[in-house]
């Protein structure tokens, strides 16, 4: 389907419905094609699969879950040393 720019401006919702239905719409100005409206391709990422992250996580500190026991450890943690 080919339409003029003025028609496209006035009837955009109708043209978008046509594009959703799979119709390619060419917009022209002075009988010269300037743009094509085509259905967008899906940009959804593939669904995540359970178990695909195995081996990708590294624990740098084996005692990461150990509670902070001393005031010195707390101060060091707050300053970013731990």
PDB file of N, CA and C in Angstrom:
ATOM      1  N   UNK A   1       0.848  -1.155   0.000  1.00  0.00           N
ATOM      2  CA  UNK A   1       0.000   0.000   0.000  1.00  0.00           C
ATOM      3  C   UNK A   1       0.908   1.237   0.000  1.00  0.00           C
ATOM      4  N   UNK A   2       0.582   2.193  -0.844  1.00  0.00           N
ATOM      5  CA  UNK A   2       1.360   3.432  -0.911  1.00  0.00           C
ATOM      6  C   UNK A   2       0.435   4.606  -0.602  1.00  0.00           C
ATOM      7  N   UNK A   3       0.889   5.475   0.294  1.00  0.00           N
ATOM      8  CA  UNK A   3       0.095   6.641   0.689  1.00  0.00           C
ATOM      9  C   UNK A   3       0.992   7.870   0.680  1.00  0.00           C
ATOM     10  N   UNK A   4       0.348   9.037   0.622  1.00  0.00           N
ATOM     11  CA  UNK A   4       1.109  10.283   0.679  1.00  0.00           C
ATOM     12  C   UNK A   4       1.426  10.628   2.134  1.00  0.00           C
ATOM     13  N   UNK A   5       2.378  11.528   2.317  1.00  0.00           N
ATOM     14  CA  UNK A   5       2.758  11.948   3.662  1.00  0.00           C
ATOM     15  C   UNK A   5       1.594  12.633   4.364  1.00  0.00           C
ATOM     16  N   UNK A   6       0.833  13.416   3.644  1.00  0.00           N
ATOM     17  CA  UNK A   6      -0.315  14.101   4.238  1.00  0.00           C
ATOM     18  C   UNK A   6      -1.360  13.091   4.705  1.00  0.00           C
ATOM     19  N   UNK A   7      -1.612  12.068   3.886  1.00  0.00           N
ATOM     20  CA  UNK A   7      -2.575  11.036   4.275  1.00  0.00           C
ATOM     21  C   UNK A   7      -2.069  10.274   5.496  1.00  0.00           C
ATOM     22  N   UNK A   8      -0.786   9.965   5.510  1.00  0.00           N
ATOM     23  CA  UNK A   8      -0.205   9.235   6.641  1.00  0.00           C
ATOM     24  C   UNK A   8      -0.330  10.039   7.929  1.00  0.00           C
ATOM     25  N   UNK A   9      -0.112  11.332   7.836  1.00  0.00           N
ATOM     26  CA  UNK A   9      -0.220  12.193   9.010  1.00  0.00           C
ATOM     27  C   UNK A   9      -1.657  12.204   9.541  1.00  0.00           C
ATOM     28  N   UNK A  10      -2.618  12.211   8.653  1.00  0.00           N
ATOM     29  CA  UNK A  10      -4.022  12.292   9.059  1.00  0.00           C
ATOM     30  C   UNK A  10      -4.604  10.942   9.471  1.00  0.00           C
ATOM     31  N   UNK A  11      -4.030   9.842   9.005  1.00  0.00           N
ATOM     32  CA  UNK A  11      -4.615   8.518   9.236  1.00  0.00           C
ATOM     33  C   UNK A  11      -3.621   7.534   9.857  1.00  0.00           C
ATOM     34  N   UNK A  12      -2.734   8.019  10.694  1.00  0.00           N
ATOM     35  CA  UNK A  12      -1.698   7.146  11.259  1.00  0.00           C
ATOM     36  C   UNK A  12      -2.268   5.949  12.029  1.00  0.00           C
ATOM     37  N   UNK A  13      -3.279   6.117  12.884  1.00  0.00           N
ATOM     38  CA  UNK A  13      -3.786   4.934  13.595  1.00  0.00           C
ATOM     39  C   UNK A  13      -4.281   3.826  12.658  1.00  0.00           C
ATOM     40  N   UNK A  14      -4.951   4.199  11.574  1.00  0.00           N
ATOM     41  CA  UNK A  14      -5.415   3.209  10.615  1.00  0.00           C
ATOM     42  C   UNK A  14      -4.239   2.509   9.937  1.00  0.00           C
ATOM     43  N   UNK A  15      -3.220   3.273   9.596  1.00  0.00           N
ATOM     44  CA  UNK A  15      -2.049   2.684   8.950  1.00  0.00           C
ATOM     45  C   UNK A  15      -1.319   1.734   9.894  1.00  0.00           C
ATOM     46  N   UNK A  16      -1.260   2.092  11.164  1.00  0.00           N
ATOM     47  CA  UNK A  16      -0.593   1.216  12.128  1.00  0.00           C
ATOM     48  C   UNK A  16      -1.355  -0.102  12.285  1.00  0.00           C
ATOM     49  N   UNK A  17      -2.671  -0.050  12.246  1.00  0.00           N
ATOM     50  CA  UNK A  17      -3.461  -1.288  12.303  1.00  0.00           C
ATOM     51  C   UNK A  17      -3.192  -2.155  11.083  1.00  0.00           C
ATOM     52  N   UNK A  18      -3.057  -1.515   9.922  1.00  0.00           N
ATOM     53  CA  UNK A  18      -2.755  -2.267   8.703  1.00  0.00           C
ATOM     54  C   UNK A  18      -1.376  -2.917   8.800  1.00  0.00           C
ATOM     55  N   UNK A  19      -0.421  -2.196   9.372  1.00  0.00           N
ATOM     56  CA  UNK A  19       0.929  -2.745   9.528  1.00  0.00           C
ATOM     57  C   UNK A  19       0.909  -3.907  10.515  1.00  0.00           C
ATOM     58  N   UNK A  20       0.145  -3.783  11.592  1.00  0.00           N
ATOM     59  CA  UNK A  20       0.018  -4.893  12.544  1.00  0.00           C
ATOM     60  C   UNK A  20      -0.545  -6.134  11.873  1.00  0.00           C
ATOM     61  N   UNK A  21      -1.416  -5.928  10.908  1.00  0.00           N
ATOM     62  CA  UNK A  21      -2.010  -7.050  10.183  1.00  0.00           C
ATOM     63  C   UNK A  21      -1.047  -7.647   9.155  1.00  0.00           C
ATOM     64  N   UNK A  22       0.109  -7.017   8.967  1.00  0.00           N
ATOM     65  CA  UNK A  22       1.118  -7.558   8.058  1.00  0.00           C
ATOM     66  C   UNK A  22       1.280  -6.816   6.751  1.00  0.00           C
ATOM     67  N   UNK A  23       0.569  -5.717   6.561  1.00  0.00           N
ATOM     68  CA  UNK A  23       0.664  -4.944   5.325  1.00  0.00           C
ATOM     69  C   UNK A  23       1.853  -3.985   5.395  1.00  0.00           C
ATOM     70  N   UNK A  24       2.593  -3.921   4.325  1.00  0.00           N
ATOM     71  CA  UNK A  24       3.696  -2.964   4.232  1.00  0.00           C
ATOM     72  C   UNK A  24       3.140  -1.663   3.670  1.00  0.00           C
ATOM     73  N   UNK A  25       3.437  -0.556   4.334  1.00  0.00           N
ATOM     74  CA  UNK A  25       2.921   0.749   3.908  1.00  0.00           C
ATOM     75  C   UNK A  25       4.107   1.625   3.501  1.00  0.00           C
ATOM     76  N   UNK A  26       4.072   2.130   2.285  1.00  0.00           N
ATOM     77  CA  UNK A  26       5.102   3.036   1.787  1.00  0.00           C
ATOM     78  C   UNK A  26       4.540   4.449   1.802  1.00  0.00           C
ATOM     79  N   UNK A  27       5.280   5.344   2.436  1.00  0.00           N
ATOM     80  CA  UNK A  27       4.873   6.750   2.500  1.00  0.00           C
ATOM     81  C   UNK A  27       5.697   7.513   1.473  1.00  0.00           C
ATOM     82  N   UNK A  28       4.992   8.298   0.656  1.00  0.00           N
ATOM     83  CA  UNK A  28       5.694   9.040  -0.398  1.00  0.00           C
ATOM     84  C   UNK A  28       5.358  10.526  -0.320  1.00  0.00           C
ATOM     85  N   UNK A  29       6.272  11.307  -0.844  1.00  0.00           N
ATOM     86  CA  UNK A  29       6.080  12.750  -0.955  1.00  0.00           C
ATOM     87  C   UNK A  29       6.447  13.136  -2.380  1.00  0.00           C
ATOM     88  N   UNK A  30       5.514  13.807  -3.052  1.00  0.00           N
ATOM     89  CA  UNK A  30       5.702  14.200  -4.456  1.00  0.00           C
ATOM     90  C   UNK A  30       6.038  12.977  -5.317  1.00  0.00           C
ATOM     91  N   UNK A  31       5.290  11.894  -5.106  1.00  0.00           N
ATOM     92  CA  UNK A  31       5.439  10.636  -5.848  1.00  0.00           C
ATOM     93  C   UNK A  31       6.813   9.996  -5.695  1.00  0.00           C
ATOM     94  N   UNK A  32       7.494  10.320  -4.605  1.00  0.00           N
ATOM     95  CA  UNK A  32       8.815   9.756  -4.338  1.00  0.00           C
ATOM     96  C   UNK A  32       8.762   9.044  -2.984  1.00  0.00           C
ATOM     97  N   UNK A  33       9.028   7.749  -2.933  1.00  0.00           N
ATOM     98  CA  UNK A  33       8.971   7.024  -1.654  1.00  0.00           C
ATOM     99  C   UNK A  33       9.996   7.575  -0.660  1.00  0.00           C
ATOM    100  N   UNK A  34       9.548   7.830   0.574  1.00  0.00           N
ATOM    101  CA  UNK A  34      10.478   8.359   1.593  1.00  0.00           C
ATOM    102  C   UNK A  34      10.580   7.450   2.818  1.00  0.00           C
ATOM    103  N   UNK A  35       9.576   6.598   3.050  1.00  0.00           N
ATOM    104  CA  UNK A  35       9.636   5.730   4.229  1.00  0.00           C
ATOM    105  C   UNK A  35       8.740   4.518   4.023  1.00  0.00           C
ATOM    106  N   UNK A  36       9.112   3.431   4.703  1.00  0.00           N
ATOM    107  CA  UNK A  36       8.299   2.215   4.712  1.00  0.00           C
ATOM    108  C   UNK A  36       7.919   1.898   6.148  1.00  0.00           C
ATOM    109  N   UNK A  37       6.648   1.601   6.357  1.00  0.00           N
ATOM    110  CA  UNK A  37       6.184   1.105   7.645  1.00  0.00           C
ATOM    111  C   UNK A  37       6.053  -0.399   7.531  1.00  0.00           C
ATOM    112  N   UNK A  38       6.790  -1.114   8.334  1.00  0.00           N
ATOM    113  CA  UNK A  38       6.759  -2.571   8.315  1.00  0.00           C
ATOM    114  C   UNK A  38       6.587  -3.071   9.742  1.00  0.00           C
ATOM    115  N   UNK A  39       6.038  -4.273   9.927  1.00  0.00           N
ATOM    116  CA  UNK A  39       5.887  -4.798  11.285  1.00  0.00           C
ATOM    117  C   UNK A  39       7.249  -4.956  11.966  1.00  0.00           C
ATOM    118  N   UNK A  40       7.296  -4.585  13.236  1.00  0.00           N
ATOM    119  CA  UNK A  40       8.544  -4.703  14.005  1.00  0.00           C
ATOM    120  C   UNK A  40       8.771  -6.164  14.367  1.00  0.00           C
ATOM    121  N   UNK A  41      10.032  -6.535  14.436  1.00  0.00           N
ATOM    122  CA  UNK A  41      10.367  -7.882  14.865  1.00  0.00           C
ATOM    123  C   UNK A  41      10.385  -7.901  16.389  1.00  0.00           C
ATOM    124  N   UNK A  42      10.028  -9.006  16.953  1.00  0.00           N
ATOM    125  CA  UNK A  42       9.961  -9.136  18.402  1.00  0.00           C
ATOM    126  C   UNK A  42      11.353  -8.968  19.007  1.00  0.00           C
ATOM    127  N   UNK A  43      11.443  -8.173  20.063  1.00  0.00           N
ATOM    128  CA  UNK A  43      12.722  -7.953  20.732  1.00  0.00           C
ATOM    129  C   UNK A  43      12.742  -8.606  22.110  1.00  0.00           C
ATOM    130  N   UNK A  44      11.845  -9.552  22.339  1.00  0.00           N
ATOM    131  CA  UNK A  44      11.823 -10.254  23.615  1.00  0.00           C
ATOM    132  C   UNK A  44      13.029 -11.173  23.713  1.00  0.00           C
ATOM    133  N   UNK A  45      13.693 -11.149  24.843  1.00  0.00           N
ATOM    134  CA  UNK A  45      14.805 -12.088  25.003  1.00  0.00           C
ATOM    135  C   UNK A  45      14.276 -13.507  25.172  1.00  0.00           C
ATOM    136  N   UNK A  46      15.112 -14.444  24.867  1.00  0.00           N
ATOM    137  CA  UNK A  46      14.722 -15.841  25.038  1.00  0.00           C
ATOM    138  C   UNK A  46      14.466 -16.106  26.522  1.00  0.00           C
ATOM    139  N   UNK A  47      13.513 -16.945  26.841  1.00  0.00           N
ATOM    140  CA  UNK A  47      13.241 -17.217  28.255  1.00  0.00           C
ATOM    141  C   UNK A  47      14.446 -17.879  28.918  1.00  0.00           C
ATOM    142  N   UNK A  48      14.643 -17.545  30.180  1.00  0.00           N
ATOM    143  CA  UNK A  48      15.771 -18.125  30.913  1.00  0.00           C
ATOM    144  C   UNK A  48      15.511 -19.596  31.211  1.00  0.00           C
ATOM    145  N   UNK A  49      16.578 -20.355  31.190  1.00  0.00           N
ATOM    146  CA  UNK A  49      16.454 -21.776  31.492  1.00  0.00           C
ATOM    147  C   UNK A  49      17.169 -22.068  32.793  1.00  0.00           C
ATOM    148  N   UNK A  50      16.545 -22.860  33.621  1.00  0.00           N
ATOM    149  CA  UNK A  50      17.107 -23.212  34.911  1.00  0.00           C
ATOM    150  C   UNK A  50      18.394 -23.999  34.735  1.00  0.00           C
ATOM    151  N   UNK A  51      19.423 -23.629  35.491  1.00  0.00           N
ATOM    152  CA  UNK A  51      20.675 -24.366  35.482  1.00  0.00           C
ATOM    153  C   UNK A  51      21.705 -23.868  34.496  1.00  0.00           C
ATOM    154  N   UNK A  52      21.433 -22.802  33.749  1.00  0.00           N
ATOM    155  CA  UNK A  52      22.395 -22.340  32.743  1.00  0.00           C
ATOM    156  C   UNK A  52      23.461 -21.422  33.337  1.00  0.00           C
ATOM    157  N   UNK A  53      23.333 -21.011  34.599  1.00  0.00           N
ATOM    158  CA  UNK A  53      24.318 -20.123  35.222  1.00  0.00           C
ATOM    159  C   UNK A  53      25.379 -20.868  36.009  1.00  0.00           C
ATOM    160  N   UNK A  54      25.346 -22.193  35.977  1.00  0.00           N
ATOM    161  CA  UNK A  54      26.293 -22.987  36.743  1.00  0.00           C
ATOM    162  C   UNK A  54      27.727 -22.689  36.304  1.00  0.00           C
ATOM    163  N   UNK A  55      28.581 -22.396  37.272  1.00  0.00           N
ATOM    164  CA  UNK A  55      29.983 -22.115  37.002  1.00  0.00           C
ATOM    165  C   UNK A  55      30.263 -20.671  36.626  1.00  0.00           C
ATOM    166  N   UNK A  56      29.242 -19.825  36.562  1.00  0.00           N
ATOM    167  CA  UNK A  56      29.448 -18.429  36.180  1.00  0.00           C
ATOM    168  C   UNK A  56      29.569 -17.502  37.386  1.00  0.00           C
ATOM    169  N   UNK A  57      29.264 -18.002  38.573  1.00  0.00           N
ATOM    170  CA  UNK A  57      29.337 -17.193  39.779  1.00  0.00           C
ATOM    171  C   UNK A  57      30.572 -17.623  40.561  1.00  0.00           C
ATOM    172  N   UNK A  58      31.403 -16.658  40.927  1.00  0.00           N
ATOM    173  CA  UNK A  58      32.597 -16.951  41.703  1.00  0.00           C
ATOM    174  C   UNK A  58      32.471 -16.284  43.068  1.00  0.00           C
ATOM    175  N   UNK A  59      32.686 -17.048  44.108  1.00  0.00           N
ATOM    176  CA  UNK A  59      32.690 -16.491  45.457  1.00  0.00           C
ATOM    177  C   UNK A  59      34.141 -16.129  45.772  1.00  0.00           C
ATOM    178  N   UNK A  60      34.406 -14.837  45.915  1.00  0.00           N
ATOM    179  CA  UNK A  60      35.767 -14.373  46.130  1.00  0.00           C
ATOM    180  C   UNK A  60      36.205 -14.546  47.582  1.00  0.00           C
ATOM    181  N   UNK A  61      35.282 -14.450  48.508  1.00  0.00           N
ATOM    182  CA  UNK A  61      35.598 -14.590  49.915  1.00  0.00           C
ATOM    183  C   UNK A  61      34.797 -15.759  50.476  1.00  0.00           C
ATOM    184  N   UNK A  62      35.474 -16.851  50.860  1.00  0.00           N
ATOM    185  CA  UNK A  62      34.727 -17.999  51.365  1.00  0.00           C
ATOM    186  C   UNK A  62      33.994 -17.712  52.678  1.00  0.00           C
ATOM    187  N   UNK A  63      34.366 -16.655  53.366  1.00  0.00           N
ATOM    188  CA  UNK A  63      33.722 -16.307  54.644  1.00  0.00           C
ATOM    189  C   UNK A  63      32.772 -15.125  54.480  1.00  0.00           C
ATOM    190  N   UNK A  64      32.177 -14.986  53.306  1.00  0.00           N
ATOM    191  CA  UNK A  64      31.331 -13.835  53.032  1.00  0.00           C
ATOM    192  C   UNK A  64      30.115 -13.767  53.945  1.00  0.00           C
ATOM    193  N   UNK A  65      29.659 -14.904  54.442  1.00  0.00           N
ATOM    194  CA  UNK A  65      28.472 -14.893  55.287  1.00  0.00           C
ATOM    195  C   UNK A  65      28.783 -14.876  56.783  1.00  0.00           C
ATOM    196  N   UNK A  66      30.060 -14.793  57.115  1.00  0.00           N
ATOM    197  CA  UNK A  66      30.475 -14.754  58.518  1.00  0.00           C
ATOM    198  C   UNK A  66      30.059 -13.414  59.131  1.00  0.00           C
ATOM    199  N   UNK A  67      29.465 -13.416  60.318  1.00  0.00           N
ATOM    200  CA  UNK A  67      29.061 -12.155  60.930  1.00  0.00           C
ATOM    201  C   UNK A  67      30.255 -11.288  61.321  1.00  0.00           C
ATOM    202  N   UNK A  68      30.051  -9.985  61.292  1.00  0.00           N
ATOM    203  CA  UNK A  68      31.087  -9.044  61.726  1.00  0.00           C
ATOM    204  C   UNK A  68      31.104  -9.068  63.247  1.00  0.00           C
ATOM    205  N   UNK A  69      32.280  -9.397  63.800  1.00  0.00           N
ATOM    206  CA  UNK A  69      32.348  -9.621  65.239  1.00  0.00           C
ATOM    207  C   UNK A  69      33.007  -8.474  65.998  1.00  0.00           C
ATOM    208  N   UNK A  70      33.965  -7.807  65.382  1.00  0.00           N
ATOM    209  CA  UNK A  70      34.685  -6.780  66.133  1.00  0.00           C
ATOM    210  C   UNK A  70      34.395  -5.395  65.561  1.00  0.00           C
ATOM    211  N   UNK A  71      34.668  -4.411  66.385  1.00  0.00           N
ATOM    212  CA  UNK A  71      34.486  -3.017  65.971  1.00  0.00           C
ATOM    213  C   UNK A  71      35.435  -2.676  64.818  1.00  0.00           C
ATOM    214  N   UNK A  72      36.645  -3.264  64.847  1.00  0.00           N
ATOM    215  CA  UNK A  72      37.639  -3.013  63.796  1.00  0.00           C
ATOM    216  C   UNK A  72      37.147  -3.551  62.441  1.00  0.00           C
ATOM    217  N   UNK A  73      36.549  -4.745  62.451  1.00  0.00           N
ATOM    218  CA  UNK A  73      36.005  -5.301  61.214  1.00  0.00           C
ATOM    219  C   UNK A  73      34.865  -4.434  60.682  1.00  0.00           C
ATOM    220  N   UNK A  74      34.035  -3.927  61.577  1.00  0.00           N
ATOM    221  CA  UNK A  74      32.931  -3.071  61.168  1.00  0.00           C
ATOM    222  C   UNK A  74      33.449  -1.787  60.523  1.00  0.00           C
ATOM    223  N   UNK A  75      34.436  -1.151  61.143  1.00  0.00           N
ATOM    224  CA  UNK A  75      35.007   0.083  60.575  1.00  0.00           C
ATOM    225  C   UNK A  75      35.657  -0.200  59.223  1.00  0.00           C
ATOM    226  N   UNK A  76      36.374  -1.313  59.118  1.00  0.00           N
ATOM    227  CA  UNK A  76      36.999  -1.685  57.850  1.00  0.00           C
ATOM    228  C   UNK A  76      35.973  -1.959  56.764  1.00  0.00           C
ATOM    229  N   UNK A  77      34.881  -2.599  57.136  1.00  0.00           N
ATOM    230  CA  UNK A  77      33.801  -2.867  56.173  1.00  0.00           C
ATOM    231  C   UNK A  77      33.194  -1.564  55.681  1.00  0.00           C
ATOM    232  N   UNK A  78      32.944  -0.649  56.591  1.00  0.00           N
ATOM    233  CA  UNK A  78      32.333   0.620  56.212  1.00  0.00           C
ATOM    234  C   UNK A  78      33.263   1.474  55.355  1.00  0.00           C
ATOM    235  N   UNK A  79      34.576   1.297  55.528  1.00  0.00           N
ATOM    236  CA  UNK A  79      35.541   2.056  54.710  1.00  0.00           C
ATOM    237  C   UNK A  79      35.864   1.337  53.406  1.00  0.00           C
ATOM    238  N   UNK A  80      35.346   0.133  53.227  1.00  0.00           N
ATOM    239  CA  UNK A  80      35.557  -0.584  51.968  1.00  0.00           C
ATOM    240  C   UNK A  80      36.784  -1.467  51.942  1.00  0.00           C
ATOM    241  N   UNK A  81      37.358  -1.778  53.087  1.00  0.00           N
ATOM    242  CA  UNK A  81      38.549  -2.621  53.093  1.00  0.00           C
ATOM    243  C   UNK A  81      38.210  -4.102  53.063  1.00  0.00           C
ATOM    244  N   UNK A  82      37.006  -4.458  53.345  1.00  0.00           N
ATOM    245  CA  UNK A  82      36.642  -5.885  53.375  1.00  0.00           C
ATOM    246  C   UNK A  82      35.673  -6.179  52.272  1.00  0.00           C
TER     247      UNK A  82
END
